[in-house]
Amino acid sequence: MEPAATETPITLTERAAKQIAKILEGEDEGTVLRVSVQGGGCSGFQYGFTLDDTKTEDDLVIERNGVRVLIDSVSVSYLAGSEIDYVDELIGSSFKINNPNATASCGCGTSFSI
């Protein structure tokens, strides 16, 4: 069975790609950003952002402007149709996931429910 992301792609904005490139400048070659969904947070699920240098066989790879993002196969179903963005607001800057599957989210922006 094909992962949901092939039907409803997960996208990466230009702003997010630029920020990821800045973060990876001082890292070893082959290091990429891994985005995941984990149980927990104040709404039931939370997004995770880590640096990783190991791609597994079932990872989804998203590329934009030479920047790669990995998403594990379990997280792909929760993120189908999502847009990974980077926002710079008065209260701070951070990666933000615009997830059409989330029915509610927390004020922190990293926690959601389905």
PDB file of N, CA and C in Angstrom:
ATOM      1  N   MET A   1       0.837  -1.189   0.000  1.00  0.00           N
ATOM      2  CA  MET A   1       0.000   0.000   0.000  1.00  0.00           C
ATOM      3  C   MET A   1       0.874   1.242   0.000  1.00  0.00           C
ATOM      4  N   GLU A   2       0.561   2.184  -0.855  1.00  0.00           N
ATOM      5  CA  GLU A   2       1.325   3.430  -0.966  1.00  0.00           C
ATOM      6  C   GLU A   2       1.031   4.339   0.220  1.00  0.00           C
ATOM      7  N   PRO A   3       2.036   5.096   0.700  1.00  0.00           N
ATOM      8  CA  PRO A   3       1.759   6.034   1.784  1.00  0.00           C
ATOM      9  C   PRO A   3       0.825   7.139   1.326  1.00  0.00           C
ATOM     10  N   ALA A   4       0.085   7.703   2.269  1.00  0.00           N
ATOM     11  CA  ALA A   4      -0.900   8.747   1.972  1.00  0.00           C
ATOM     12  C   ALA A   4      -0.272   9.954   1.287  1.00  0.00           C
ATOM     13  N   ALA A   5       1.000  10.213   1.556  1.00  0.00           N
ATOM     14  CA  ALA A   5       1.645  11.402   1.007  1.00  0.00           C
ATOM     15  C   ALA A   5       1.722  11.380  -0.512  1.00  0.00           C
ATOM     16  N   THR A   6       1.692  10.194  -1.121  1.00  0.00           N
ATOM     17  CA  THR A   6       1.748  10.154  -2.572  1.00  0.00           C
ATOM     18  C   THR A   6       0.437  10.662  -3.166  1.00  0.00           C
ATOM     19  N   GLU A   7      -0.652  10.524  -2.409  1.00  0.00           N
ATOM     20  CA  GLU A   7      -1.943  11.013  -2.871  1.00  0.00           C
ATOM     21  C   GLU A   7      -2.123  12.488  -2.535  1.00  0.00           C
ATOM     22  N   THR A   8      -1.691  12.893  -1.348  1.00  0.00           N
ATOM     23  CA  THR A   8      -1.791  14.265  -0.899  1.00  0.00           C
ATOM     24  C   THR A   8      -0.405  14.692  -0.434  1.00  0.00           C
ATOM     25  N   PRO A   9       0.359  15.332  -1.295  1.00  0.00           N
ATOM     26  CA  PRO A   9       1.762  15.620  -0.996  1.00  0.00           C
ATOM     27  C   PRO A   9       1.960  16.527   0.224  1.00  0.00           C
ATOM     28  N   ILE A  10       3.083  16.322   0.861  1.00  0.00           N
ATOM     29  CA  ILE A  10       3.542  17.204   1.932  1.00  0.00           C
ATOM     30  C   ILE A  10       4.524  18.162   1.270  1.00  0.00           C
ATOM     31  N   THR A  11       4.343  19.455   1.504  1.00  0.00           N
ATOM     32  CA  THR A  11       5.177  20.441   0.826  1.00  0.00           C
ATOM     33  C   THR A  11       6.036  21.233   1.808  1.00  0.00           C
ATOM     34  N   LEU A  12       7.055  21.850   1.277  1.00  0.00           N
ATOM     35  CA  LEU A  12       8.005  22.654   2.025  1.00  0.00           C
ATOM     36  C   LEU A  12       8.040  24.040   1.393  1.00  0.00           C
ATOM     37  N   THR A  13       7.812  25.080   2.189  1.00  0.00           N
ATOM     38  CA  THR A  13       7.816  26.434   1.627  1.00  0.00           C
ATOM     39  C   THR A  13       9.241  26.903   1.361  1.00  0.00           C
ATOM     40  N   GLU A  14       9.344  27.941   0.568  1.00  0.00           N
ATOM     41  CA  GLU A  14      10.631  28.573   0.270  1.00  0.00           C
ATOM     42  C   GLU A  14      11.295  29.061   1.560  1.00  0.00           C
ATOM     43  N   ARG A  15      10.511  29.693   2.440  1.00  0.00           N
ATOM     44  CA  ARG A  15      11.052  30.201   3.714  1.00  0.00           C
ATOM     45  C   ARG A  15      11.622  29.071   4.560  1.00  0.00           C
ATOM     46  N   ALA A  16      10.902  27.952   4.628  1.00  0.00           N
ATOM     47  CA  ALA A  16      11.367  26.811   5.416  1.00  0.00           C
ATOM     48  C   ALA A  16      12.660  26.246   4.823  1.00  0.00           C
ATOM     49  N   ALA A  17      12.718  26.124   3.519  1.00  0.00           N
ATOM     50  CA  ALA A  17      13.923  25.597   2.864  1.00  0.00           C
ATOM     51  C   ALA A  17      15.126  26.490   3.146  1.00  0.00           C
ATOM     52  N   LYS A  18      14.938  27.799   3.098  1.00  0.00           N
ATOM     53  CA  LYS A  18      16.047  28.728   3.384  1.00  0.00           C
ATOM     54  C   LYS A  18      16.524  28.587   4.821  1.00  0.00           C
ATOM     55  N   GLN A  19      15.595  28.463   5.762  1.00  0.00           N
ATOM     56  CA  GLN A  19      15.970  28.332   7.170  1.00  0.00           C
ATOM     57  C   GLN A  19      16.669  27.004   7.428  1.00  0.00           C
ATOM     58  N   ILE A  20      16.191  25.938   6.818  1.00  0.00           N
ATOM     59  CA  ILE A  20      16.839  24.636   6.985  1.00  0.00           C
ATOM     60  C   ILE A  20      18.264  24.703   6.445  1.00  0.00           C
ATOM     61  N   ALA A  21      18.447  25.352   5.303  1.00  0.00           N
ATOM     62  CA  ALA A  21      19.785  25.496   4.725  1.00  0.00           C
ATOM     63  C   ALA A  21      20.708  26.238   5.694  1.00  0.00           C
ATOM     64  N   LYS A  22      20.207  27.284   6.349  1.00  0.00           N
ATOM     65  CA  LYS A  22      21.011  28.035   7.333  1.00  0.00           C
ATOM     66  C   LYS A  22      21.394  27.139   8.506  1.00  0.00           C
ATOM     67  N   ILE A  23      20.437  26.359   8.999  1.00  0.00           N
ATOM     68  CA  ILE A  23      20.684  25.471  10.138  1.00  0.00           C
ATOM     69  C   ILE A  23      21.738  24.427   9.789  1.00  0.00           C
ATOM     70  N   LEU A  24      21.689  23.919   8.567  1.00  0.00           N
ATOM     71  CA  LEU A  24      22.586  22.832   8.171  1.00  0.00           C
ATOM     72  C   LEU A  24      23.972  23.305   7.746  1.00  0.00           C
ATOM     73  N   GLU A  25      24.184  24.628   7.633  1.00  0.00           N
ATOM     74  CA  GLU A  25      25.476  25.149   7.163  1.00  0.00           C
ATOM     75  C   GLU A  25      26.665  24.604   7.946  1.00  0.00           C
ATOM     76  N   GLY A  26      26.558  24.505   9.248  1.00  0.00           N
ATOM     77  CA  GLY A  26      27.686  24.047  10.058  1.00  0.00           C
ATOM     78  C   GLY A  26      27.682  22.560  10.346  1.00  0.00           C
ATOM     79  N   GLU A  27      26.759  21.829   9.760  1.00  0.00           N
ATOM     80  CA  GLU A  27      26.628  20.393  10.030  1.00  0.00           C
ATOM     81  C   GLU A  27      27.429  19.565   9.025  1.00  0.00           C
ATOM     82  N   ASP A  28      27.654  18.309   9.380  1.00  0.00           N
ATOM     83  CA  ASP A  28      28.341  17.381   8.485  1.00  0.00           C
ATOM     84  C   ASP A  28      27.526  17.165   7.213  1.00  0.00           C
ATOM     85  N   GLU A  29      28.222  16.880   6.123  1.00  0.00           N
ATOM     86  CA  GLU A  29      27.547  16.587   4.862  1.00  0.00           C
ATOM     87  C   GLU A  29      26.641  15.375   5.040  1.00  0.00           C
ATOM     88  N   GLY A  30      25.448  15.449   4.452  1.00  0.00           N
ATOM     89  CA  GLY A  30      24.498  14.350   4.567  1.00  0.00           C
ATOM     90  C   GLY A  30      23.496  14.533   5.696  1.00  0.00           C
ATOM     91  N   THR A  31      23.681  15.573   6.522  1.00  0.00           N
ATOM     92  CA  THR A  31      22.734  15.839   7.608  1.00  0.00           C
ATOM     93  C   THR A  31      21.504  16.527   7.031  1.00  0.00           C
ATOM     94  N   VAL A  32      20.333  16.082   7.448  1.00  0.00           N
ATOM     95  CA  VAL A  32      19.066  16.642   6.967  1.00  0.00           C
ATOM     96  C   VAL A  32      18.144  16.881   8.163  1.00  0.00           C
ATOM     97  N   LEU A  33      17.055  17.589   7.917  1.00  0.00           N
ATOM     98  CA  LEU A  33      16.040  17.795   8.947  1.00  0.00           C
ATOM     99  C   LEU A  33      15.051  16.636   8.887  1.00  0.00           C
ATOM    100  N   ARG A  34      14.741  16.065  10.041  1.00  0.00           N
ATOM    101  CA  ARG A  34      13.727  15.020  10.128  1.00  0.00           C
ATOM    102  C   ARG A  34      12.527  15.612  10.856  1.00  0.00           C
ATOM    103  N   VAL A  35      11.349  15.481  10.234  1.00  0.00           N
ATOM    104  CA  VAL A  35      10.101  15.929  10.835  1.00  0.00           C
ATOM    105  C   VAL A  35       9.312  14.677  11.200  1.00  0.00           C
ATOM    106  N   SER A  36       8.769  14.664  12.421  1.00  0.00           N
ATOM    107  CA  SER A  36       8.026  13.494  12.864  1.00  0.00           C
ATOM    108  C   SER A  36       6.803  13.910  13.674  1.00  0.00           C
ATOM    109  N   VAL A  37       5.905  12.963  13.853  1.00  0.00           N
ATOM    110  CA  VAL A  37       4.738  13.142  14.710  1.00  0.00           C
ATOM    111  C   VAL A  37       4.869  12.111  15.816  1.00  0.00           C
ATOM    112  N   GLN A  38       4.745  12.580  17.060  1.00  0.00           N
ATOM    113  CA  GLN A  38       4.871  11.705  18.213  1.00  0.00           C
ATOM    114  C   GLN A  38       3.666  11.890  19.112  1.00  0.00           C
ATOM    115  N   GLY A  39       3.346  10.871  19.880  1.00  0.00           N
ATOM    116  CA  GLY A  39       2.296  11.003  20.876  1.00  0.00           C
ATOM    117  C   GLY A  39       2.760  11.927  21.978  1.00  0.00           C
ATOM    118  N   GLY A  40       1.837  12.707  22.531  1.00  0.00           N
ATOM    119  CA  GLY A  40       2.200  13.608  23.627  1.00  0.00           C
ATOM    120  C   GLY A  40       1.787  15.032  23.335  1.00  0.00           C
ATOM    121  N   GLY A  41       2.334  15.944  24.075  1.00  0.00           N
ATOM    122  CA  GLY A  41       1.965  17.344  23.915  1.00  0.00           C
ATOM    123  C   GLY A  41       0.611  17.603  24.563  1.00  0.00           C
ATOM    124  N   CYS A  42       0.200  18.832  24.605  1.00  0.00           N
ATOM    125  CA  CYS A  42      -1.051  19.167  25.296  1.00  0.00           C
ATOM    126  C   CYS A  42      -2.292  18.849  24.486  1.00  0.00           C
ATOM    127  N   SER A  43      -2.157  18.482  23.209  1.00  0.00           N
ATOM    128  CA  SER A  43      -3.335  18.161  22.395  1.00  0.00           C
ATOM    129  C   SER A  43      -3.374  16.714  21.915  1.00  0.00           C
ATOM    130  N   GLY A  44      -2.424  15.885  22.327  1.00  0.00           N
ATOM    131  CA  GLY A  44      -2.444  14.474  21.953  1.00  0.00           C
ATOM    132  C   GLY A  44      -1.300  14.041  21.060  1.00  0.00           C
ATOM    133  N   PHE A  45      -0.927  14.897  20.105  1.00  0.00           N
ATOM    134  CA  PHE A  45       0.211  14.629  19.222  1.00  0.00           C
ATOM    135  C   PHE A  45       1.101  15.868  19.217  1.00  0.00           C
ATOM    136  N   GLN A  46       2.373  15.652  18.942  1.00  0.00           N
ATOM    137  CA  GLN A  46       3.265  16.801  18.807  1.00  0.00           C
ATOM    138  C   GLN A  46       4.238  16.569  17.660  1.00  0.00           C
ATOM    139  N   TYR A  47       4.669  17.674  17.062  1.00  0.00           N
ATOM    140  CA  TYR A  47       5.632  17.615  15.970  1.00  0.00           C
ATOM    141  C   TYR A  47       7.034  17.572  16.556  1.00  0.00           C
ATOM    142  N   GLY A  48       7.886  16.805  15.903  1.00  0.00           N
ATOM    143  CA  GLY A  48       9.284  16.753  16.295  1.00  0.00           C
ATOM    144  C   GLY A  48      10.157  17.193  15.143  1.00  0.00           C
ATOM    145  N   PHE A  49      11.192  17.968  15.441  1.00  0.00           N
ATOM    146  CA  PHE A  49      12.152  18.445  14.446  1.00  0.00           C
ATOM    147  C   PHE A  49      13.542  18.101  14.961  1.00  0.00           C
ATOM    148  N   THR A  50      14.244  17.214  14.250  1.00  0.00           N
ATOM    149  CA  THR A  50      15.584  16.814  14.659  1.00  0.00           C
ATOM    150  C   THR A  50      16.503  16.774  13.443  1.00  0.00           C
ATOM    151  N   LEU A  51      17.796  16.840  13.695  1.00  0.00           N
ATOM    152  CA  LEU A  51      18.776  16.671  12.624  1.00  0.00           C
ATOM    153  C   LEU A  51      19.147  15.196  12.579  1.00  0.00           C
ATOM    154  N   ASP A  52      19.275  14.670  11.370  1.00  0.00           N
ATOM    155  CA  ASP A  52      19.524  13.241  11.199  1.00  0.00           C
ATOM    156  C   ASP A  52      20.431  13.049   9.994  1.00  0.00           C
ATOM    157  N   ASP A  53      21.227  12.000  10.026  1.00  0.00           N
ATOM    158  CA  ASP A  53      22.075  11.693   8.867  1.00  0.00           C
ATOM    159  C   ASP A  53      21.814  10.291   8.338  1.00  0.00           C
ATOM    160  N   THR A  54      20.711   9.684   8.795  1.00  0.00           N
ATOM    161  CA  THR A  54      20.387   8.329   8.369  1.00  0.00           C
ATOM    162  C   THR A  54      18.993   8.276   7.770  1.00  0.00           C
ATOM    163  N   LYS A  55      18.912   7.891   6.503  1.00  0.00           N
ATOM    164  CA  LYS A  55      17.624   7.713   5.829  1.00  0.00           C
ATOM    165  C   LYS A  55      17.271   6.239   5.882  1.00  0.00           C
ATOM    166  N   THR A  56      16.050   5.942   6.330  1.00  0.00           N
ATOM    167  CA  THR A  56      15.601   4.555   6.320  1.00  0.00           C
ATOM    168  C   THR A  56      14.853   4.295   5.013  1.00  0.00           C
ATOM    169  N   GLU A  57      14.673   3.031   4.705  1.00  0.00           N
ATOM    170  CA  GLU A  57      14.060   2.637   3.440  1.00  0.00           C
ATOM    171  C   GLU A  57      12.648   3.191   3.267  1.00  0.00           C
ATOM    172  N   ASP A  58      11.913   3.314   4.363  1.00  0.00           N
ATOM    173  CA  ASP A  58      10.525   3.761   4.234  1.00  0.00           C
ATOM    174  C   ASP A  58      10.324   5.256   4.508  1.00  0.00           C
ATOM    175  N   ASP A  59      11.396   6.031   4.617  1.00  0.00           N
ATOM    176  CA  ASP A  59      11.274   7.479   4.793  1.00  0.00           C
ATOM    177  C   ASP A  59      10.784   8.156   3.523  1.00  0.00           C
ATOM    178  N   LEU A  60       9.942   9.145   3.683  1.00  0.00           N
ATOM    179  CA  LEU A  60       9.572  10.029   2.584  1.00  0.00           C
ATOM    180  C   LEU A  60      10.620  11.135   2.544  1.00  0.00           C
ATOM    181  N   VAL A  61      11.120  11.458   1.365  1.00  0.00           N
ATOM    182  CA  VAL A  61      12.100  12.530   1.209  1.00  0.00           C
ATOM    183  C   VAL A  61      11.431  13.674   0.455  1.00  0.00           C
ATOM    184  N   ILE A  62      11.456  14.858   1.058  1.00  0.00           N
ATOM    185  CA  ILE A  62      10.939  16.061   0.403  1.00  0.00           C
ATOM    186  C   ILE A  62      12.141  16.938   0.096  1.00  0.00           C
ATOM    187  N   GLU A  63      12.219  17.446  -1.128  1.00  0.00           N
ATOM    188  CA  GLU A  63      13.340  18.308  -1.509  1.00  0.00           C
ATOM    189  C   GLU A  63      12.839  19.623  -2.061  1.00  0.00           C
ATOM    190  N   ARG A  64      13.553  20.685  -1.708  1.00  0.00           N
ATOM    191  CA  ARG A  64      13.282  22.007  -2.278  1.00  0.00           C
ATOM    192  C   ARG A  64      14.577  22.798  -2.219  1.00  0.00           C
ATOM    193  N   ASN A  65      14.981  23.329  -3.353  1.00  0.00           N
ATOM    194  CA  ASN A  65      16.198  24.145  -3.452  1.00  0.00           C
ATOM    195  C   ASN A  65      17.430  23.446  -2.867  1.00  0.00           C
ATOM    196  N   GLY A  66      17.537  22.153  -3.084  1.00  0.00           N
ATOM    197  CA  GLY A  66      18.692  21.404  -2.609  1.00  0.00           C
ATOM    198  C   GLY A  66      18.627  20.992  -1.148  1.00  0.00           C
ATOM    199  N   VAL A  67      17.560  21.351  -0.462  1.00  0.00           N
ATOM    200  CA  VAL A  67      17.378  20.991   0.947  1.00  0.00           C
ATOM    201  C   VAL A  67      16.479  19.763   1.012  1.00  0.00           C
ATOM    202  N   ARG A  68      16.881  18.801   1.849  1.00  0.00           N
ATOM    203  CA  ARG A  68      16.081  17.582   1.997  1.00  0.00           C
ATOM    204  C   ARG A  68      15.503  17.482   3.404  1.00  0.00           C
ATOM    205  N   VAL A  69      14.264  17.002   3.478  1.00  0.00           N
ATOM    206  CA  VAL A  69      13.580  16.738   4.739  1.00  0.00           C
ATOM    207  C   VAL A  69      13.126  15.279   4.716  1.00  0.00           C
ATOM    208  N   LEU A  70      13.329  14.577   5.819  1.00  0.00           N
ATOM    209  CA  LEU A  70      12.898  13.189   5.936  1.00  0.00           C
ATOM    210  C   LEU A  70      11.680  13.107   6.846  1.00  0.00           C
ATOM    211  N   ILE A  71      10.737  12.238   6.477  1.00  0.00           N
ATOM    212  CA  ILE A  71       9.561  11.980   7.306  1.00  0.00           C
ATOM    213  C   ILE A  71       9.354  10.471   7.343  1.00  0.00           C
ATOM    214  N   ASP A  72       9.263   9.916   8.545  1.00  0.00           N
ATOM    215  CA  ASP A  72       9.091   8.472   8.665  1.00  0.00           C
ATOM    216  C   ASP A  72       7.699   8.054   8.195  1.00  0.00           C
ATOM    217  N   SER A  73       7.540   6.782   7.861  1.00  0.00           N
ATOM    218  CA  SER A  73       6.306   6.297   7.250  1.00  0.00           C
ATOM    219  C   SER A  73       5.081   6.431   8.156  1.00  0.00           C
ATOM    220  N   VAL A  74       5.245   6.332   9.464  1.00  0.00           N
ATOM    221  CA  VAL A  74       4.114   6.484  10.377  1.00  0.00           C
ATOM    222  C   VAL A  74       3.656   7.942  10.401  1.00  0.00           C
ATOM    223  N   SER A  75       4.591   8.866  10.454  1.00  0.00           N
ATOM    224  CA  SER A  75       4.259  10.292  10.512  1.00  0.00           C
ATOM    225  C   SER A  75       3.633  10.795   9.217  1.00  0.00           C
ATOM    226  N   VAL A  76       3.982  10.174   8.088  1.00  0.00           N
ATOM    227  CA  VAL A  76       3.463  10.601   6.788  1.00  0.00           C
ATOM    228  C   VAL A  76       1.941  10.630   6.779  1.00  0.00           C
ATOM    229  N   SER A  77       1.302   9.624   7.369  1.00  0.00           N
ATOM    230  CA  SER A  77      -0.158   9.576   7.340  1.00  0.00           C
ATOM    231  C   SER A  77      -0.781  10.719   8.136  1.00  0.00           C
ATOM    232  N   TYR A  78      -0.130  11.160   9.198  1.00  0.00           N
ATOM    233  CA  TYR A  78      -0.631  12.286   9.989  1.00  0.00           C
ATOM    234  C   TYR A  78      -0.372  13.633   9.305  1.00  0.00           C
ATOM    235  N   LEU A  79       0.614  13.661   8.414  1.00  0.00           N
ATOM    236  CA  LEU A  79       1.031  14.915   7.775  1.00  0.00           C
ATOM    237  C   LEU A  79       0.557  15.064   6.332  1.00  0.00           C
ATOM    238  N   ALA A  80      -0.170  14.088   5.800  1.00  0.00           N
ATOM    239  CA  ALA A  80      -0.620  14.145   4.406  1.00  0.00           C
ATOM    240  C   ALA A  80      -1.323  15.466   4.125  1.00  0.00           C
ATOM    241  N   GLY A  81      -0.889  16.149   3.082  1.00  0.00           N
ATOM    242  CA  GLY A  81      -1.492  17.420   2.686  1.00  0.00           C
ATOM    243  C   GLY A  81      -0.954  18.622   3.435  1.00  0.00           C
ATOM    244  N   SER A  82       0.001  18.405   4.341  1.00  0.00           N
ATOM    245  CA  SER A  82       0.528  19.500   5.153  1.00  0.00           C
ATOM    246  C   SER A  82       1.576  20.326   4.414  1.00  0.00           C
ATOM    247  N   GLU A  83       1.750  21.545   4.905  1.00  0.00           N
ATOM    248  CA  GLU A  83       2.789  22.442   4.411  1.00  0.00           C
ATOM    249  C   GLU A  83       3.711  22.763   5.575  1.00  0.00           C
ATOM    250  N   ILE A  84       5.006  22.522   5.379  1.00  0.00           N
ATOM    251  CA  ILE A  84       6.004  22.852   6.393  1.00  0.00           C
ATOM    252  C   ILE A  84       6.512  24.246   6.070  1.00  0.00           C
ATOM    253  N   ASP A  85       6.325  25.166   6.999  1.00  0.00           N
ATOM    254  CA  ASP A  85       6.673  26.568   6.793  1.00  0.00           C
ATOM    255  C   ASP A  85       7.608  27.024   7.905  1.00  0.00           C
ATOM    256  N   TYR A  86       8.175  28.212   7.736  1.00  0.00           N
ATOM    257  CA  TYR A  86       8.975  28.845   8.771  1.00  0.00           C
ATOM    258  C   TYR A  86       8.415  30.239   8.954  1.00  0.00           C
ATOM    259  N   VAL A  87       8.053  30.575  10.190  1.00  0.00           N
ATOM    260  CA  VAL A  87       7.462  31.883  10.459  1.00  0.00           C
ATOM    261  C   VAL A  87       8.345  32.678  11.410  1.00  0.00           C
ATOM    262  N   ASP A  88       8.381  33.967  11.190  1.00  0.00           N
ATOM    263  CA  ASP A  88       9.132  34.883  12.041  1.00  0.00           C
ATOM    264  C   ASP A  88       8.138  35.909  12.552  1.00  0.00           C
ATOM    265  N   GLU A  89       7.678  35.696  13.791  1.00  0.00           N
ATOM    266  CA  GLU A  89       6.645  36.541  14.365  1.00  0.00           C
ATOM    267  C   GLU A  89       7.198  37.305  15.561  1.00  0.00           C
ATOM    268  N   LEU A  90       6.433  38.230  16.073  1.00  0.00           N
ATOM    269  CA  LEU A  90       6.836  39.042  17.208  1.00  0.00           C
ATOM    270  C   LEU A  90       7.205  38.182  18.422  1.00  0.00           C
ATOM    271  N   ILE A  91       6.478  37.097  18.639  1.00  0.00           N
ATOM    272  CA  ILE A  91       6.749  36.242  19.794  1.00  0.00           C
ATOM    273  C   ILE A  91       7.880  35.243  19.546  1.00  0.00           C
ATOM    274  N   GLY A  92       8.404  35.197  18.353  1.00  0.00           N
ATOM    275  CA  GLY A  92       9.518  34.305  18.052  1.00  0.00           C
ATOM    276  C   GLY A  92       9.398  33.689  16.667  1.00  0.00           C
ATOM    277  N   SER A  93      10.441  33.017  16.279  1.00  0.00           N
ATOM    278  CA  SER A  93      10.440  32.362  14.975  1.00  0.00           C
ATOM    279  C   SER A  93      10.517  30.857  15.180  1.00  0.00           C
ATOM    280  N   SER A  94       9.866  30.125  14.278  1.00  0.00           N
ATOM    281  CA  SER A  94       9.843  28.672  14.407  1.00  0.00           C
ATOM    282  C   SER A  94       9.311  28.030  13.134  1.00  0.00           C
ATOM    283  N   PHE A  95       9.539  26.727  13.039  1.00  0.00           N
ATOM    284  CA  PHE A  95       8.906  25.971  11.975  1.00  0.00           C
ATOM    285  C   PHE A  95       7.442  25.803  12.345  1.00  0.00           C
ATOM    286  N   LYS A  96       6.580  25.872  11.351  1.00  0.00           N
ATOM    287  CA  LYS A  96       5.147  25.731  11.581  1.00  0.00           C
ATOM    288  C   LYS A  96       4.606  24.761  10.541  1.00  0.00           C
ATOM    289  N   ILE A  97       3.776  23.841  10.976  1.00  0.00           N
ATOM    290  CA  ILE A  97       3.166  22.887  10.053  1.00  0.00           C
ATOM    291  C   ILE A  97       1.697  23.237   9.910  1.00  0.00           C
ATOM    292  N   ASN A  98       1.309  23.570   8.699  1.00  0.00           N
ATOM    293  CA  ASN A  98      -0.094  23.835   8.387  1.00  0.00           C
ATOM    294  C   ASN A  98      -0.704  22.500   7.989  1.00  0.00           C
ATOM    295  N   ASN A  99      -1.379  21.863   8.950  1.00  0.00           N
ATOM    296  CA  ASN A  99      -1.847  20.498   8.799  1.00  0.00           C
ATOM    297  C   ASN A  99      -3.368  20.453   8.651  1.00  0.00           C
ATOM    298  N   PRO A 100      -3.880  20.092   7.464  1.00  0.00           N
ATOM    299  CA  PRO A 100      -5.326  20.030   7.264  1.00  0.00           C
ATOM    300  C   PRO A 100      -5.992  18.880   8.030  1.00  0.00           C
ATOM    301  N   ASN A 101      -5.199  17.938   8.548  1.00  0.00           N
ATOM    302  CA  ASN A 101      -5.740  16.810   9.296  1.00  0.00           C
ATOM    303  C   ASN A 101      -5.997  17.138  10.762  1.00  0.00           C
ATOM    304  N   ALA A 102      -5.392  18.203  11.251  1.00  0.00           N
ATOM    305  CA  ALA A 102      -5.525  18.569  12.665  1.00  0.00           C
ATOM    306  C   ALA A 102      -6.893  19.205  12.912  1.00  0.00           C
ATOM    307  N   THR A 103      -7.597  18.686  13.906  1.00  0.00           N
ATOM    308  CA  THR A 103      -8.906  19.253  14.245  1.00  0.00           C
ATOM    309  C   THR A 103      -8.777  20.319  15.314  1.00  0.00           C
ATOM    310  N   ALA A 104      -7.687  20.300  16.057  1.00  0.00           N
ATOM    311  CA  ALA A 104      -7.417  21.315  17.078  1.00  0.00           C
ATOM    312  C   ALA A 104      -5.912  21.401  17.259  1.00  0.00           C
ATOM    313  N   SER A 105      -5.448  22.559  17.686  1.00  0.00           N
ATOM    314  CA  SER A 105      -4.017  22.713  17.973  1.00  0.00           C
ATOM    315  C   SER A 105      -3.852  23.547  19.228  1.00  0.00           C
ATOM    316  N   CYS A 106      -2.653  23.535  19.717  1.00  0.00           N
ATOM    317  CA  CYS A 106      -2.331  24.226  20.962  1.00  0.00           C
ATOM    318  C   CYS A 106      -1.712  25.573  20.642  1.00  0.00           C
ATOM    319  N   GLY A 107      -1.719  26.460  21.591  1.00  0.00           N
ATOM    320  CA  GLY A 107      -1.124  27.781  21.401  1.00  0.00           C
ATOM    321  C   GLY A 107       0.364  27.728  21.132  1.00  0.00           C
ATOM    322  N   CYS A 108       1.017  26.654  21.553  1.00  0.00           N
ATOM    323  CA  CYS A 108       2.466  26.535  21.338  1.00  0.00           C
ATOM    324  C   CYS A 108       2.791  26.275  19.867  1.00  0.00           C
ATOM    325  N   GLY A 109       1.824  25.762  19.101  1.00  0.00           N
ATOM    326  CA  GLY A 109       2.028  25.513  17.672  1.00  0.00           C
ATOM    327  C   GLY A 109       2.709  24.210  17.347  1.00  0.00           C
ATOM    328  N   THR A 110       3.129  23.442  18.378  1.00  0.00           N
ATOM    329  CA  THR A 110       3.780  22.167  18.092  1.00  0.00           C
ATOM    330  C   THR A 110       2.937  20.977  18.519  1.00  0.00           C
ATOM    331  N   SER A 111       1.742  21.229  19.016  1.00  0.00           N
ATOM    332  CA  SER A 111       0.869  20.161  19.491  1.00  0.00           C
ATOM    333  C   SER A 111      -0.461  20.238  18.783  1.00  0.00           C
ATOM    334  N   PHE A 112      -1.064  19.069  18.468  1.00  0.00           N
ATOM    335  CA  PHE A 112      -2.329  19.056  17.744  1.00  0.00           C
ATOM    336  C   PHE A 112      -3.111  17.791  18.049  1.00  0.00           C
ATOM    337  N   SER A 113      -4.370  17.784  17.659  1.00  0.00           N
ATOM    338  CA  SER A 113      -5.191  16.574  17.779  1.00  0.00           C
ATOM    339  C   SER A 113      -5.883  16.306  16.444  1.00  0.00           C
ATOM    340  N   ILE A 114      -6.277  15.050  16.268  1.00  0.00           N
ATOM    341  CA  ILE A 114      -6.948  14.630  15.029  1.00  0.00           C
ATOM    342  C   ILE A 114      -8.286  14.037  15.394  1.00  0.00           C
TER     343      ILE A 114
END
